[in-house]
Amino acid sequence: MICSNVVSSLETDPAESSLADADLARRVTAAAPGEALAAETELYRRLAPRVELYGLRHLRAEQAAADLVQQVLVLTIERLREGRVREPERLASYVLGVCRMVVLDLKRGEGRRKRALERYAADVPMAESSSSPRVDLDRLASCLDRLHERERSVLVLTFYSERSATEVAAELGLSPGNVRVIRHRALGRLRECMSGELSAP
């Protein structure tokens, strides 16, 4: 599982790991924001697997469950820091409630998107697909033949073999900058030839 791997990598403080969830929660609440990182880390390590299981059960996707862990535990720790968790001894129940709230919001948002799509899809005009210009392949082959060999090699390696300027340079014994210059000039000559403005190399 995604979150389980993250949780197993968290360093635990032996002093914190011996405390109950409620005691860790009280430490976070009593400290200045960010001053009880060891307690927050231990709470995250303990609670993340439970939230992940809830997410897998209700969202049925590992990535969605991993996202739920982040949202729920960040929200829980923020509320602990603000002193808004009234019963620290019932922290597990509190986190479960946050899970329900976040999942419900996610499902409502997905439902709204789906209903909006169903309602307005028919009113959205379809973009007309522009027909691709027809290319005279015989003329293109003839124009390529009229290019100097090095120009032709650069174009073929770039657009047919899909090589980068660096790769073309290595193959032809040129610098990448030189390849770019040759390619630019060759494309100009090819355009001229295709439009009938070039008769000879």
N, C-alpha and C. Protein backbone atom coordinates (compact mmCIF):
# COMPACT_ATOMS: atom_id res chain seq x y z
N MET A 1 0.84 -1.19 0.00
CA MET A 1 0.00 0.00 0.00
C MET A 1 0.87 1.24 0.00
N ILE A 2 0.38 2.30 -0.62
CA ILE A 2 1.20 3.50 -0.79
C ILE A 2 1.54 4.12 0.55
N CYS A 3 0.51 4.40 1.39
CA CYS A 3 0.75 5.09 2.65
C CYS A 3 1.54 4.23 3.61
N SER A 4 1.33 2.95 3.59
CA SER A 4 2.06 2.07 4.50
C SER A 4 3.55 2.19 4.29
N ASN A 5 3.99 2.35 3.05
CA ASN A 5 5.41 2.52 2.77
C ASN A 5 5.93 3.82 3.36
N VAL A 6 5.13 4.88 3.25
CA VAL A 6 5.54 6.17 3.81
C VAL A 6 5.62 6.09 5.32
N VAL A 7 4.59 5.50 5.94
CA VAL A 7 4.54 5.42 7.40
C VAL A 7 5.70 4.62 7.94
N SER A 8 6.06 3.52 7.27
CA SER A 8 7.15 2.69 7.77
C SER A 8 8.49 3.40 7.72
N SER A 9 8.59 4.46 6.90
CA SER A 9 9.85 5.19 6.79
C SER A 9 9.96 6.32 7.81
N LEU A 10 8.87 6.62 8.55
CA LEU A 10 8.91 7.69 9.52
C LEU A 10 9.74 7.28 10.74
N GLU A 11 10.61 8.18 11.20
CA GLU A 11 11.40 7.89 12.38
C GLU A 11 10.55 8.14 13.62
N THR A 12 10.54 7.18 14.53
CA THR A 12 9.74 7.32 15.74
C THR A 12 10.64 7.66 16.92
N ASP A 13 10.06 8.44 17.83
CA ASP A 13 10.74 8.81 19.07
C ASP A 13 10.26 7.84 20.15
N PRO A 14 11.15 7.05 20.76
CA PRO A 14 10.73 6.08 21.78
C PRO A 14 9.89 6.72 22.88
N ALA A 15 10.22 7.96 23.24
CA ALA A 15 9.47 8.64 24.31
C ALA A 15 8.03 8.88 23.89
N GLU A 16 7.83 9.19 22.62
CA GLU A 16 6.48 9.46 22.12
C GLU A 16 5.72 8.16 21.85
N SER A 17 6.42 7.14 21.37
CA SER A 17 5.73 5.90 20.99
C SER A 17 5.14 5.17 22.20
N SER A 18 5.61 5.53 23.40
CA SER A 18 5.09 4.88 24.60
C SER A 18 3.82 5.55 25.11
N LEU A 19 3.46 6.71 24.54
CA LEU A 19 2.30 7.46 25.01
C LEU A 19 1.03 7.00 24.30
N ALA A 20 -0.10 7.20 24.95
CA ALA A 20 -1.40 6.92 24.34
C ALA A 20 -1.73 8.01 23.33
N ASP A 21 -2.66 7.69 22.43
CA ASP A 21 -3.07 8.67 21.41
C ASP A 21 -3.52 9.98 22.06
N ALA A 22 -4.31 9.87 23.10
CA ALA A 22 -4.84 11.07 23.76
C ALA A 22 -3.72 11.94 24.32
N ASP A 23 -2.69 11.31 24.90
CA ASP A 23 -1.57 12.08 25.45
C ASP A 23 -0.80 12.79 24.34
N LEU A 24 -0.62 12.10 23.21
CA LEU A 24 0.05 12.74 22.07
C LEU A 24 -0.77 13.91 21.57
N ALA A 25 -2.08 13.72 21.50
CA ALA A 25 -2.95 14.80 21.03
C ALA A 25 -2.86 16.00 21.96
N ARG A 26 -2.82 15.76 23.27
CA ARG A 26 -2.72 16.87 24.23
C ARG A 26 -1.38 17.59 24.09
N ARG A 27 -0.32 16.85 23.80
CA ARG A 27 0.99 17.49 23.61
C ARG A 27 0.94 18.45 22.41
N VAL A 28 0.31 18.00 21.33
CA VAL A 28 0.22 18.85 20.14
C VAL A 28 -0.58 20.11 20.46
N THR A 29 -1.68 19.94 21.18
CA THR A 29 -2.54 21.08 21.52
C THR A 29 -1.83 22.06 22.45
N ALA A 30 -1.06 21.52 23.41
CA ALA A 30 -0.41 22.38 24.41
C ALA A 30 0.79 23.13 23.85
N ALA A 31 1.42 22.59 22.82
CA ALA A 31 2.64 23.20 22.27
C ALA A 31 2.30 24.31 21.28
N ALA A 32 3.28 25.17 21.03
CA ALA A 32 3.13 26.16 19.97
C ALA A 32 3.11 25.42 18.63
N PRO A 33 2.45 25.99 17.61
CA PRO A 33 2.37 25.31 16.31
C PRO A 33 3.75 24.91 15.79
N GLY A 34 3.91 23.63 15.48
CA GLY A 34 5.17 23.15 14.94
C GLY A 34 6.20 22.77 15.98
N GLU A 35 5.86 22.93 17.28
CA GLU A 35 6.82 22.65 18.34
C GLU A 35 6.67 21.25 18.92
N ALA A 36 5.67 20.49 18.41
CA ALA A 36 5.48 19.12 18.91
C ALA A 36 5.56 18.14 17.74
N LEU A 37 6.60 18.32 16.94
CA LEU A 37 6.72 17.52 15.72
C LEU A 37 6.84 16.03 16.00
N ALA A 38 7.52 15.67 17.09
CA ALA A 38 7.68 14.25 17.41
C ALA A 38 6.32 13.63 17.71
N ALA A 39 5.48 14.34 18.46
CA ALA A 39 4.15 13.84 18.78
C ALA A 39 3.29 13.77 17.53
N GLU A 40 3.39 14.78 16.68
CA GLU A 40 2.62 14.80 15.43
C GLU A 40 3.04 13.65 14.51
N THR A 41 4.35 13.41 14.45
CA THR A 41 4.85 12.31 13.62
C THR A 41 4.35 10.96 14.12
N GLU A 42 4.36 10.78 15.43
CA GLU A 42 3.88 9.52 16.00
C GLU A 42 2.39 9.34 15.76
N LEU A 43 1.62 10.40 15.88
CA LEU A 43 0.19 10.32 15.58
C LEU A 43 -0.04 9.97 14.12
N TYR A 44 0.72 10.59 13.26
CA TYR A 44 0.60 10.28 11.82
C TYR A 44 0.90 8.81 11.58
N ARG A 45 1.98 8.33 12.18
CA ARG A 45 2.38 6.93 11.97
C ARG A 45 1.29 5.97 12.43
N ARG A 46 0.65 6.29 13.54
CA ARG A 46 -0.39 5.40 14.08
C ARG A 46 -1.70 5.48 13.29
N LEU A 47 -2.08 6.69 12.91
CA LEU A 47 -3.40 6.90 12.33
C LEU A 47 -3.47 6.65 10.83
N ALA A 48 -2.33 6.84 10.14
CA ALA A 48 -2.34 6.73 8.68
C ALA A 48 -2.87 5.38 8.18
N PRO A 49 -2.44 4.24 8.75
CA PRO A 49 -2.96 2.95 8.24
C PRO A 49 -4.47 2.83 8.38
N ARG A 50 -5.03 3.38 9.47
CA ARG A 50 -6.49 3.30 9.67
C ARG A 50 -7.22 4.14 8.62
N VAL A 51 -6.70 5.34 8.37
CA VAL A 51 -7.34 6.21 7.38
C VAL A 51 -7.21 5.59 5.99
N GLU A 52 -6.05 4.99 5.73
CA GLU A 52 -5.85 4.37 4.42
C GLU A 52 -6.84 3.23 4.19
N LEU A 53 -7.06 2.41 5.20
CA LEU A 53 -8.02 1.31 5.07
C LEU A 53 -9.42 1.86 4.81
N TYR A 54 -9.77 2.93 5.50
CA TYR A 54 -11.08 3.55 5.28
C TYR A 54 -11.19 4.04 3.83
N GLY A 55 -10.11 4.67 3.36
CA GLY A 55 -10.12 5.17 1.98
C GLY A 55 -10.22 4.06 0.96
N LEU A 56 -9.50 2.98 1.18
CA LEU A 56 -9.57 1.85 0.25
C LEU A 56 -10.97 1.24 0.23
N ARG A 57 -11.61 1.20 1.39
CA ARG A 57 -12.95 0.60 1.47
C ARG A 57 -13.99 1.49 0.77
N HIS A 58 -13.85 2.81 0.90
CA HIS A 58 -14.89 3.70 0.40
C HIS A 58 -14.56 4.38 -0.92
N LEU A 59 -13.29 4.48 -1.26
CA LEU A 59 -12.90 5.12 -2.51
C LEU A 59 -12.40 4.11 -3.54
N ARG A 60 -11.99 2.94 -3.07
CA ARG A 60 -11.62 1.80 -3.92
C ARG A 60 -10.49 2.11 -4.90
N ALA A 61 -9.54 2.92 -4.45
CA ALA A 61 -8.36 3.22 -5.28
C ALA A 61 -7.22 3.59 -4.36
N GLU A 62 -6.04 3.02 -4.60
CA GLU A 62 -4.89 3.27 -3.72
C GLU A 62 -4.50 4.74 -3.69
N GLN A 63 -4.46 5.38 -4.87
CA GLN A 63 -4.04 6.78 -4.89
C GLN A 63 -5.04 7.67 -4.17
N ALA A 64 -6.33 7.38 -4.35
CA ALA A 64 -7.36 8.15 -3.65
C ALA A 64 -7.24 7.95 -2.15
N ALA A 65 -6.94 6.72 -1.72
CA ALA A 65 -6.76 6.44 -0.30
C ALA A 65 -5.55 7.19 0.25
N ALA A 66 -4.47 7.23 -0.52
CA ALA A 66 -3.27 7.96 -0.10
C ALA A 66 -3.56 9.45 0.03
N ASP A 67 -4.32 10.00 -0.92
CA ASP A 67 -4.70 11.41 -0.84
C ASP A 67 -5.57 11.68 0.38
N LEU A 68 -6.46 10.72 0.68
CA LEU A 68 -7.32 10.87 1.85
C LEU A 68 -6.49 10.94 3.13
N VAL A 69 -5.47 10.09 3.23
CA VAL A 69 -4.60 10.12 4.41
C VAL A 69 -4.01 11.51 4.60
N GLN A 70 -3.49 12.08 3.53
CA GLN A 70 -2.89 13.41 3.64
C GLN A 70 -3.91 14.44 4.10
N GLN A 71 -5.09 14.45 3.45
CA GLN A 71 -6.10 15.45 3.78
C GLN A 71 -6.58 15.31 5.21
N VAL A 72 -6.91 14.09 5.61
CA VAL A 72 -7.50 13.87 6.94
C VAL A 72 -6.50 14.17 8.04
N LEU A 73 -5.26 13.70 7.90
CA LEU A 73 -4.30 13.89 8.99
C LEU A 73 -3.78 15.31 9.07
N VAL A 74 -3.63 15.98 7.94
CA VAL A 74 -3.25 17.39 7.99
C VAL A 74 -4.35 18.19 8.69
N LEU A 75 -5.62 17.91 8.32
CA LEU A 75 -6.74 18.60 8.94
C LEU A 75 -6.81 18.32 10.44
N THR A 76 -6.59 17.05 10.81
CA THR A 76 -6.63 16.67 12.22
C THR A 76 -5.54 17.38 13.02
N ILE A 77 -4.32 17.38 12.51
CA ILE A 77 -3.21 18.03 13.22
C ILE A 77 -3.43 19.54 13.32
N GLU A 78 -3.96 20.15 12.26
CA GLU A 78 -4.25 21.59 12.30
C GLU A 78 -5.26 21.89 13.40
N ARG A 79 -6.28 21.04 13.50
CA ARG A 79 -7.31 21.27 14.53
C ARG A 79 -6.78 21.00 15.93
N LEU A 80 -5.89 20.04 16.06
CA LEU A 80 -5.24 19.82 17.37
C LEU A 80 -4.42 21.05 17.75
N ARG A 81 -3.67 21.58 16.82
CA ARG A 81 -2.86 22.77 17.11
C ARG A 81 -3.73 23.95 17.53
N GLU A 82 -4.93 24.02 16.94
CA GLU A 82 -5.84 25.13 17.24
C GLU A 82 -6.68 24.87 18.49
N GLY A 83 -6.53 23.68 19.09
CA GLY A 83 -7.30 23.35 20.28
C GLY A 83 -8.75 23.06 20.00
N ARG A 84 -9.07 22.61 18.79
CA ARG A 84 -10.46 22.41 18.40
C ARG A 84 -10.91 20.95 18.55
N VAL A 85 -10.03 20.08 19.05
CA VAL A 85 -10.43 18.69 19.33
C VAL A 85 -10.74 18.62 20.81
N ARG A 86 -12.04 18.55 21.15
CA ARG A 86 -12.48 18.69 22.54
C ARG A 86 -12.22 17.46 23.38
N GLU A 87 -12.24 16.28 22.76
CA GLU A 87 -12.07 15.05 23.53
C GLU A 87 -10.89 14.26 22.97
N PRO A 88 -9.67 14.59 23.38
CA PRO A 88 -8.48 13.88 22.86
C PRO A 88 -8.53 12.38 23.10
N GLU A 89 -9.21 11.95 24.16
CA GLU A 89 -9.28 10.52 24.45
C GLU A 89 -10.13 9.77 23.42
N ARG A 90 -10.86 10.50 22.61
CA ARG A 90 -11.66 9.87 21.55
C ARG A 90 -11.11 10.27 20.18
N LEU A 91 -9.79 10.39 20.12
CA LEU A 91 -9.17 10.87 18.88
C LEU A 91 -9.47 9.94 17.70
N ALA A 92 -9.43 8.62 17.90
CA ALA A 92 -9.68 7.69 16.79
C ALA A 92 -11.07 7.90 16.21
N SER A 93 -12.07 8.12 17.08
CA SER A 93 -13.43 8.38 16.61
C SER A 93 -13.50 9.71 15.87
N TYR A 94 -12.75 10.69 16.39
CA TYR A 94 -12.70 12.00 15.73
C TYR A 94 -12.15 11.87 14.32
N VAL A 95 -11.04 11.13 14.17
CA VAL A 95 -10.42 10.95 12.86
C VAL A 95 -11.37 10.22 11.92
N LEU A 96 -12.10 9.24 12.44
CA LEU A 96 -13.07 8.53 11.62
C LEU A 96 -14.15 9.49 11.11
N GLY A 97 -14.57 10.39 11.96
CA GLY A 97 -15.55 11.39 11.55
C GLY A 97 -15.02 12.30 10.46
N VAL A 98 -13.74 12.70 10.59
CA VAL A 98 -13.13 13.53 9.55
C VAL A 98 -13.06 12.75 8.24
N CYS A 99 -12.73 11.45 8.33
CA CYS A 99 -12.71 10.61 7.13
C CYS A 99 -14.05 10.64 6.42
N ARG A 100 -15.13 10.44 7.20
CA ARG A 100 -16.47 10.43 6.61
C ARG A 100 -16.77 11.75 5.93
N MET A 101 -16.42 12.86 6.59
CA MET A 101 -16.70 14.18 6.05
C MET A 101 -15.96 14.42 4.74
N VAL A 102 -14.66 14.08 4.71
CA VAL A 102 -13.85 14.31 3.52
C VAL A 102 -14.33 13.44 2.35
N VAL A 103 -14.60 12.16 2.65
CA VAL A 103 -15.07 11.26 1.59
C VAL A 103 -16.41 11.73 1.05
N LEU A 104 -17.30 12.18 1.93
CA LEU A 104 -18.61 12.68 1.50
C LEU A 104 -18.44 13.89 0.60
N ASP A 105 -17.53 14.80 0.98
CA ASP A 105 -17.27 15.99 0.15
C ASP A 105 -16.73 15.57 -1.21
N LEU A 106 -15.83 14.60 -1.22
CA LEU A 106 -15.27 14.13 -2.49
C LEU A 106 -16.35 13.55 -3.39
N LYS A 107 -17.23 12.74 -2.80
CA LYS A 107 -18.30 12.12 -3.59
C LYS A 107 -19.31 13.15 -4.07
N ARG A 108 -19.60 14.15 -3.23
CA ARG A 108 -20.52 15.21 -3.65
C ARG A 108 -19.93 15.99 -4.82
N GLY A 109 -18.62 16.30 -4.70
CA GLY A 109 -17.97 17.03 -5.80
C GLY A 109 -17.99 16.25 -7.09
N GLU A 110 -17.73 14.94 -6.98
CA GLU A 110 -17.76 14.09 -8.17
C GLU A 110 -19.17 14.03 -8.74
N GLY A 111 -20.17 13.96 -7.85
CA GLY A 111 -21.56 13.93 -8.31
C GLY A 111 -21.94 15.21 -9.01
N ARG A 112 -21.50 16.35 -8.45
CA ARG A 112 -21.80 17.64 -9.09
C ARG A 112 -21.18 17.73 -10.47
N ARG A 113 -19.93 17.28 -10.59
CA ARG A 113 -19.27 17.32 -11.89
C ARG A 113 -20.00 16.44 -12.91
N LYS A 114 -20.42 15.27 -12.45
CA LYS A 114 -21.12 14.34 -13.35
C LYS A 114 -22.44 14.92 -13.80
N ARG A 115 -23.22 15.51 -12.85
CA ARG A 115 -24.52 16.09 -13.21
C ARG A 115 -24.36 17.28 -14.14
N ALA A 116 -23.33 18.10 -13.88
CA ALA A 116 -23.10 19.26 -14.75
C ALA A 116 -22.74 18.81 -16.16
N LEU A 117 -21.93 17.76 -16.25
CA LEU A 117 -21.56 17.25 -17.56
C LEU A 117 -22.78 16.72 -18.30
N GLU A 118 -23.62 15.96 -17.58
CA GLU A 118 -24.82 15.42 -18.21
C GLU A 118 -25.78 16.53 -18.64
N ARG A 119 -25.84 17.58 -17.83
CA ARG A 119 -26.80 18.66 -18.10
C ARG A 119 -26.37 19.56 -19.24
N TYR A 120 -25.07 19.87 -19.28
CA TYR A 120 -24.62 20.89 -20.23
C TYR A 120 -23.86 20.34 -21.43
N ALA A 121 -23.57 19.04 -21.43
CA ALA A 121 -22.77 18.48 -22.52
C ALA A 121 -23.44 18.72 -23.87
N ALA A 122 -24.77 18.60 -23.93
CA ALA A 122 -25.47 18.76 -25.21
C ALA A 122 -25.43 20.20 -25.69
N ASP A 123 -25.26 21.16 -24.75
CA ASP A 123 -25.25 22.58 -25.13
C ASP A 123 -23.88 23.07 -25.58
N VAL A 124 -22.86 22.28 -25.33
CA VAL A 124 -21.50 22.70 -25.70
C VAL A 124 -21.25 22.32 -27.15
N PRO A 125 -20.98 23.30 -28.00
CA PRO A 125 -20.77 22.97 -29.42
C PRO A 125 -19.51 22.15 -29.61
N MET A 126 -19.61 21.15 -30.43
CA MET A 126 -18.46 20.33 -30.74
C MET A 126 -17.51 21.10 -31.65
N ALA A 127 -16.24 21.06 -31.32
CA ALA A 127 -15.25 21.72 -32.17
C ALA A 127 -15.11 20.96 -33.47
N GLU A 128 -15.16 21.70 -34.54
CA GLU A 128 -15.01 21.05 -35.83
C GLU A 128 -13.57 20.64 -36.02
N SER A 129 -13.39 19.41 -36.41
CA SER A 129 -12.03 18.94 -36.64
C SER A 129 -11.55 19.46 -37.98
N SER A 130 -10.50 20.23 -37.91
CA SER A 130 -9.97 20.79 -39.15
C SER A 130 -9.25 19.70 -39.92
N SER A 131 -9.55 19.63 -41.18
CA SER A 131 -8.92 18.60 -42.00
C SER A 131 -7.45 18.93 -42.18
N SER A 132 -6.63 17.95 -42.01
CA SER A 132 -5.19 18.15 -42.17
C SER A 132 -4.88 18.45 -43.62
N PRO A 133 -3.95 19.36 -43.85
CA PRO A 133 -3.60 19.67 -45.24
C PRO A 133 -3.02 18.42 -45.92
N ARG A 134 -3.41 18.24 -47.17
CA ARG A 134 -2.92 17.10 -47.93
C ARG A 134 -1.49 17.39 -48.37
N VAL A 135 -0.64 16.41 -48.20
CA VAL A 135 0.76 16.58 -48.56
C VAL A 135 1.03 15.77 -49.82
N ASP A 136 1.66 16.42 -50.77
CA ASP A 136 2.06 15.71 -52.00
C ASP A 136 3.33 14.93 -51.65
N LEU A 137 3.15 13.63 -51.36
CA LEU A 137 4.28 12.82 -50.90
C LEU A 137 5.35 12.66 -51.96
N ASP A 138 4.94 12.56 -53.22
CA ASP A 138 5.93 12.43 -54.30
C ASP A 138 6.79 13.69 -54.38
N ARG A 139 6.13 14.84 -54.27
CA ARG A 139 6.89 16.10 -54.34
C ARG A 139 7.81 16.22 -53.12
N LEU A 140 7.30 15.80 -51.95
CA LEU A 140 8.13 15.86 -50.74
C LEU A 140 9.38 14.99 -50.89
N ALA A 141 9.21 13.79 -51.44
CA ALA A 141 10.36 12.91 -51.64
C ALA A 141 11.34 13.54 -52.62
N SER A 142 10.81 14.15 -53.68
CA SER A 142 11.67 14.79 -54.68
C SER A 142 12.44 15.96 -54.06
N CYS A 143 11.73 16.75 -53.22
CA CYS A 143 12.38 17.90 -52.57
C CYS A 143 13.44 17.45 -51.58
N LEU A 144 13.19 16.36 -50.87
CA LEU A 144 14.20 15.84 -49.96
C LEU A 144 15.44 15.40 -50.73
N ASP A 145 15.23 14.78 -51.88
CA ASP A 145 16.36 14.34 -52.70
C ASP A 145 17.21 15.51 -53.18
N ARG A 146 16.58 16.68 -53.34
CA ARG A 146 17.32 17.85 -53.82
C ARG A 146 18.17 18.53 -52.75
N LEU A 147 17.91 18.20 -51.49
CA LEU A 147 18.71 18.78 -50.41
C LEU A 147 20.11 18.17 -50.40
N HIS A 148 21.06 18.92 -49.82
CA HIS A 148 22.38 18.36 -49.63
C HIS A 148 22.26 17.17 -48.68
N GLU A 149 23.18 16.24 -48.79
CA GLU A 149 23.10 15.00 -48.01
C GLU A 149 23.05 15.26 -46.52
N ARG A 150 23.86 16.21 -46.04
CA ARG A 150 23.89 16.49 -44.60
C ARG A 150 22.57 17.10 -44.14
N GLU A 151 21.98 17.99 -44.95
CA GLU A 151 20.68 18.56 -44.61
C GLU A 151 19.61 17.47 -44.54
N ARG A 152 19.62 16.61 -45.53
CA ARG A 152 18.64 15.52 -45.58
C ARG A 152 18.80 14.60 -44.37
N SER A 153 20.03 14.28 -44.01
CA SER A 153 20.28 13.40 -42.86
C SER A 153 19.77 14.02 -41.57
N VAL A 154 20.00 15.33 -41.41
CA VAL A 154 19.54 16.01 -40.20
C VAL A 154 18.02 15.97 -40.12
N LEU A 155 17.34 16.24 -41.22
CA LEU A 155 15.87 16.24 -41.20
C LEU A 155 15.32 14.84 -40.95
N VAL A 156 15.88 13.84 -41.59
CA VAL A 156 15.39 12.47 -41.43
C VAL A 156 15.59 12.00 -39.99
N LEU A 157 16.78 12.27 -39.45
CA LEU A 157 17.05 11.84 -38.07
C LEU A 157 16.18 12.60 -37.07
N THR A 158 15.88 13.86 -37.35
CA THR A 158 15.08 14.67 -36.44
C THR A 158 13.61 14.29 -36.48
N PHE A 159 13.03 14.22 -37.67
CA PHE A 159 11.57 14.07 -37.76
C PHE A 159 11.11 12.63 -38.00
N TYR A 160 11.95 11.80 -38.58
CA TYR A 160 11.55 10.41 -38.80
C TYR A 160 12.01 9.53 -37.64
N SER A 161 13.27 9.70 -37.26
CA SER A 161 13.81 8.90 -36.15
C SER A 161 13.55 9.54 -34.79
N GLU A 162 13.03 10.79 -34.81
CA GLU A 162 12.69 11.51 -33.58
C GLU A 162 13.88 11.63 -32.63
N ARG A 163 15.02 12.03 -33.18
CA ARG A 163 16.22 12.23 -32.36
C ARG A 163 16.32 13.69 -31.95
N SER A 164 16.93 13.92 -30.81
CA SER A 164 17.18 15.29 -30.35
C SER A 164 18.39 15.84 -31.09
N ALA A 165 18.58 17.16 -30.97
CA ALA A 165 19.72 17.79 -31.63
C ALA A 165 21.03 17.20 -31.12
N THR A 166 21.08 16.89 -29.83
CA THR A 166 22.29 16.30 -29.25
C THR A 166 22.57 14.93 -29.84
N GLU A 167 21.52 14.12 -29.99
CA GLU A 167 21.68 12.77 -30.54
C GLU A 167 22.08 12.82 -32.01
N VAL A 168 21.46 13.74 -32.76
CA VAL A 168 21.81 13.89 -34.18
C VAL A 168 23.27 14.33 -34.31
N ALA A 169 23.67 15.26 -33.45
CA ALA A 169 25.03 15.77 -33.48
C ALA A 169 26.03 14.64 -33.24
N ALA A 170 25.74 13.79 -32.25
CA ALA A 170 26.64 12.68 -31.94
C ALA A 170 26.75 11.72 -33.12
N GLU A 171 25.63 11.49 -33.80
CA GLU A 171 25.63 10.52 -34.91
C GLU A 171 26.37 11.06 -36.13
N LEU A 172 26.24 12.38 -36.36
CA LEU A 172 26.83 12.95 -37.57
C LEU A 172 28.17 13.64 -37.32
N GLY A 173 28.64 13.62 -36.08
CA GLY A 173 29.93 14.25 -35.77
C GLY A 173 29.87 15.76 -35.84
N LEU A 174 28.75 16.35 -35.42
CA LEU A 174 28.58 17.80 -35.44
C LEU A 174 28.31 18.29 -34.02
N SER A 175 28.25 19.59 -33.85
CA SER A 175 27.84 20.15 -32.56
C SER A 175 26.32 20.32 -32.59
N PRO A 176 25.66 20.27 -31.43
CA PRO A 176 24.21 20.48 -31.40
C PRO A 176 23.79 21.80 -32.02
N GLY A 177 24.59 22.85 -31.77
CA GLY A 177 24.27 24.15 -32.37
C GLY A 177 24.32 24.10 -33.87
N ASN A 178 25.32 23.41 -34.41
CA ASN A 178 25.44 23.28 -35.86
C ASN A 178 24.26 22.52 -36.43
N VAL A 179 23.80 21.47 -35.71
CA VAL A 179 22.64 20.70 -36.15
C VAL A 179 21.41 21.60 -36.26
N ARG A 180 21.23 22.47 -35.27
CA ARG A 180 20.05 23.35 -35.28
C ARG A 180 20.10 24.32 -36.46
N VAL A 181 21.28 24.83 -36.76
CA VAL A 181 21.42 25.74 -37.90
C VAL A 181 21.11 25.01 -39.21
N ILE A 182 21.69 23.83 -39.36
CA ILE A 182 21.46 23.03 -40.59
C ILE A 182 19.98 22.70 -40.73
N ARG A 183 19.36 22.31 -39.62
CA ARG A 183 17.94 21.95 -39.65
C ARG A 183 17.08 23.14 -40.06
N HIS A 184 17.39 24.33 -39.50
CA HIS A 184 16.64 25.53 -39.83
C HIS A 184 16.74 25.86 -41.32
N ARG A 185 17.97 25.81 -41.83
CA ARG A 185 18.17 26.11 -43.25
C ARG A 185 17.52 25.06 -44.15
N ALA A 186 17.64 23.79 -43.75
CA ALA A 186 17.06 22.72 -44.56
C ALA A 186 15.54 22.83 -44.63
N LEU A 187 14.92 23.17 -43.51
CA LEU A 187 13.47 23.34 -43.51
C LEU A 187 13.05 24.50 -44.40
N GLY A 188 13.83 25.56 -44.39
CA GLY A 188 13.54 26.69 -45.28
C GLY A 188 13.62 26.28 -46.74
N ARG A 189 14.65 25.53 -47.10
CA ARG A 189 14.82 25.07 -48.49
C ARG A 189 13.70 24.11 -48.87
N LEU A 190 13.29 23.26 -47.89
CA LEU A 190 12.22 22.30 -48.17
C LEU A 190 10.90 23.03 -48.40
N ARG A 191 10.62 24.05 -47.62
CA ARG A 191 9.40 24.83 -47.82
C ARG A 191 9.40 25.50 -49.19
N GLU A 192 10.52 26.07 -49.55
CA GLU A 192 10.63 26.72 -50.85
C GLU A 192 10.39 25.73 -51.99
N CYS A 193 10.96 24.56 -51.84
CA CYS A 193 10.81 23.55 -52.88
C CYS A 193 9.35 23.09 -52.99
N MET A 194 8.71 22.87 -51.84
CA MET A 194 7.32 22.41 -51.84
C MET A 194 6.38 23.45 -52.43
N SER A 195 6.75 24.73 -52.29
CA SER A 195 5.90 25.79 -52.85
C SER A 195 6.30 26.13 -54.27
N GLY A 196 7.28 25.40 -54.81
CA GLY A 196 7.68 25.61 -56.20
C GLY A 196 8.67 26.72 -56.42
N GLU A 197 9.28 27.24 -55.34
CA GLU A 197 10.21 28.35 -55.47
C GLU A 197 11.64 27.90 -55.59
N LEU A 198 11.90 26.61 -55.43
CA LEU A 198 13.28 26.12 -55.49
C LEU A 198 13.37 25.06 -56.56
N SER A 199 14.30 25.23 -57.45
CA SER A 199 14.39 24.28 -58.56
C SER A 199 15.66 23.44 -58.49
N ALA A 200 16.62 23.91 -57.77
CA ALA A 200 17.89 23.18 -57.71
C ALA A 200 18.52 23.40 -56.36
N PRO A 201 19.29 22.44 -55.83
CA PRO A 201 19.98 22.59 -54.54
C PRO A 201 21.00 23.70 -54.60
